[in-house]
Amino acid sequence: MQNRPALRAHKLMAYAIALAALLAVFALYTRPDFLVTLADQVWACF
């Protein structure tokens, strides 16, 4: 049998980490200089 409180805590921690990562990516996209650098790097691949 699984330890339900520990499983719930791990699942909650995973969701919190995923949310933090998504918020960090969103914060980067609000910076125009980051978007220009990203576009330049993608364009350099071709």
N, C-alpha and C. Protein backbone atom coordinates (compact mmCIF):
# COMPACT_ATOMS: atom_id res chain seq x y z
N MET A 1 0.83 -1.19 0.00
CA MET A 1 0.00 0.00 0.00
C MET A 1 0.88 1.25 0.00
N GLN A 2 0.46 2.22 -0.74
CA GLN A 2 1.24 3.45 -0.86
C GLN A 2 0.99 4.36 0.34
N ASN A 3 1.97 5.16 0.61
CA ASN A 3 1.84 6.14 1.67
C ASN A 3 1.15 7.37 1.08
N ARG A 4 -0.13 7.50 1.30
CA ARG A 4 -0.93 8.54 0.64
C ARG A 4 -0.48 9.97 0.96
N PRO A 5 -0.21 10.33 2.21
CA PRO A 5 0.22 11.72 2.45
C PRO A 5 1.55 12.06 1.77
N ALA A 6 2.48 11.11 1.75
CA ALA A 6 3.77 11.36 1.10
C ALA A 6 3.57 11.47 -0.41
N LEU A 7 2.73 10.64 -0.99
CA LEU A 7 2.45 10.69 -2.42
C LEU A 7 1.80 12.02 -2.78
N ARG A 8 0.88 12.46 -1.94
CA ARG A 8 0.21 13.73 -2.19
C ARG A 8 1.21 14.89 -2.09
N ALA A 9 2.12 14.83 -1.14
CA ALA A 9 3.12 15.89 -0.98
C ALA A 9 4.05 15.92 -2.18
N HIS A 10 4.45 14.76 -2.69
CA HIS A 10 5.32 14.71 -3.86
C HIS A 10 4.61 15.26 -5.10
N LYS A 11 3.35 14.92 -5.24
CA LYS A 11 2.58 15.41 -6.39
C LYS A 11 2.41 16.93 -6.30
N LEU A 12 2.14 17.42 -5.11
CA LEU A 12 1.99 18.86 -4.92
C LEU A 12 3.31 19.58 -5.20
N MET A 13 4.41 19.00 -4.77
CA MET A 13 5.72 19.59 -5.03
C MET A 13 6.03 19.60 -6.52
N ALA A 14 5.68 18.54 -7.23
CA ALA A 14 5.90 18.49 -8.68
C ALA A 14 5.09 19.56 -9.39
N TYR A 15 3.84 19.75 -8.99
CA TYR A 15 3.01 20.80 -9.58
C TYR A 15 3.58 22.19 -9.28
N ALA A 16 4.09 22.39 -8.08
CA ALA A 16 4.66 23.68 -7.71
C ALA A 16 5.91 23.98 -8.53
N ILE A 17 6.74 22.97 -8.75
CA ILE A 17 7.95 23.15 -9.55
C ILE A 17 7.58 23.44 -11.01
N ALA A 18 6.60 22.73 -11.53
CA ALA A 18 6.16 22.96 -12.91
C ALA A 18 5.59 24.36 -13.06
N LEU A 19 4.81 24.81 -12.10
CA LEU A 19 4.25 26.16 -12.15
C LEU A 19 5.34 27.21 -12.07
N ALA A 20 6.33 27.00 -11.23
CA ALA A 20 7.44 27.95 -11.13
C ALA A 20 8.21 28.02 -12.44
N ALA A 21 8.42 26.88 -13.08
CA ALA A 21 9.13 26.87 -14.37
C ALA A 21 8.32 27.61 -15.43
N LEU A 22 7.02 27.40 -15.47
CA LEU A 22 6.18 28.09 -16.45
C LEU A 22 6.17 29.59 -16.21
N LEU A 23 6.11 30.00 -14.96
CA LEU A 23 6.14 31.43 -14.64
C LEU A 23 7.49 32.05 -15.00
N ALA A 24 8.57 31.31 -14.82
CA ALA A 24 9.89 31.82 -15.18
C ALA A 24 9.98 32.01 -16.69
N VAL A 25 9.47 31.07 -17.46
CA VAL A 25 9.48 31.19 -18.92
C VAL A 25 8.62 32.38 -19.35
N PHE A 26 7.46 32.53 -18.73
CA PHE A 26 6.60 33.66 -19.06
C PHE A 26 7.30 34.99 -18.75
N ALA A 27 8.00 35.05 -17.64
CA ALA A 27 8.72 36.27 -17.27
C ALA A 27 9.80 36.58 -18.30
N LEU A 28 10.46 35.57 -18.84
CA LEU A 28 11.47 35.81 -19.87
C LEU A 28 10.84 36.36 -21.15
N TYR A 29 9.66 35.89 -21.49
CA TYR A 29 9.03 36.34 -22.71
C TYR A 29 8.51 37.76 -22.62
N THR A 30 8.45 38.34 -21.44
CA THR A 30 8.02 39.73 -21.31
C THR A 30 9.20 40.69 -21.52
N ARG A 31 10.39 40.14 -21.69
CA ARG A 31 11.60 40.96 -21.91
C ARG A 31 11.92 40.97 -23.40
N PRO A 32 11.78 42.11 -24.07
CA PRO A 32 12.00 42.16 -25.52
C PRO A 32 13.42 41.77 -25.93
N ASP A 33 14.42 42.11 -25.14
CA ASP A 33 15.79 41.75 -25.52
C ASP A 33 15.99 40.24 -25.54
N PHE A 34 15.31 39.53 -24.66
CA PHE A 34 15.38 38.07 -24.67
C PHE A 34 14.76 37.52 -25.93
N LEU A 35 13.63 38.09 -26.32
CA LEU A 35 12.96 37.60 -27.53
C LEU A 35 13.82 37.83 -28.78
N VAL A 36 14.49 38.97 -28.84
CA VAL A 36 15.35 39.24 -29.99
C VAL A 36 16.52 38.26 -30.01
N THR A 37 17.12 38.02 -28.86
CA THR A 37 18.23 37.07 -28.78
C THR A 37 17.78 35.67 -29.17
N LEU A 38 16.63 35.27 -28.68
CA LEU A 38 16.08 33.95 -29.02
C LEU A 38 15.81 33.83 -30.52
N ALA A 39 15.22 34.86 -31.10
CA ALA A 39 14.95 34.86 -32.54
C ALA A 39 16.25 34.79 -33.34
N ASP A 40 17.26 35.52 -32.91
CA ASP A 40 18.55 35.48 -33.60
C ASP A 40 19.18 34.09 -33.53
N GLN A 41 19.06 33.44 -32.38
CA GLN A 41 19.64 32.10 -32.24
C GLN A 41 18.89 31.08 -33.08
N VAL A 42 17.58 31.19 -33.12
CA VAL A 42 16.78 30.27 -33.96
C VAL A 42 17.10 30.50 -35.43
N TRP A 43 17.21 31.78 -35.83
CA TRP A 43 17.50 32.10 -37.23
C TRP A 43 18.89 31.61 -37.62
N ALA A 44 19.82 31.63 -36.68
CA ALA A 44 21.19 31.18 -36.96
C ALA A 44 21.25 29.68 -37.25
N CYS A 45 20.26 28.93 -36.81
CA CYS A 45 20.22 27.49 -37.09
C CYS A 45 19.97 27.20 -38.55
N PHE A 46 19.37 28.13 -39.27
CA PHE A 46 19.04 27.92 -40.67
C PHE A 46 20.02 28.69 -41.51
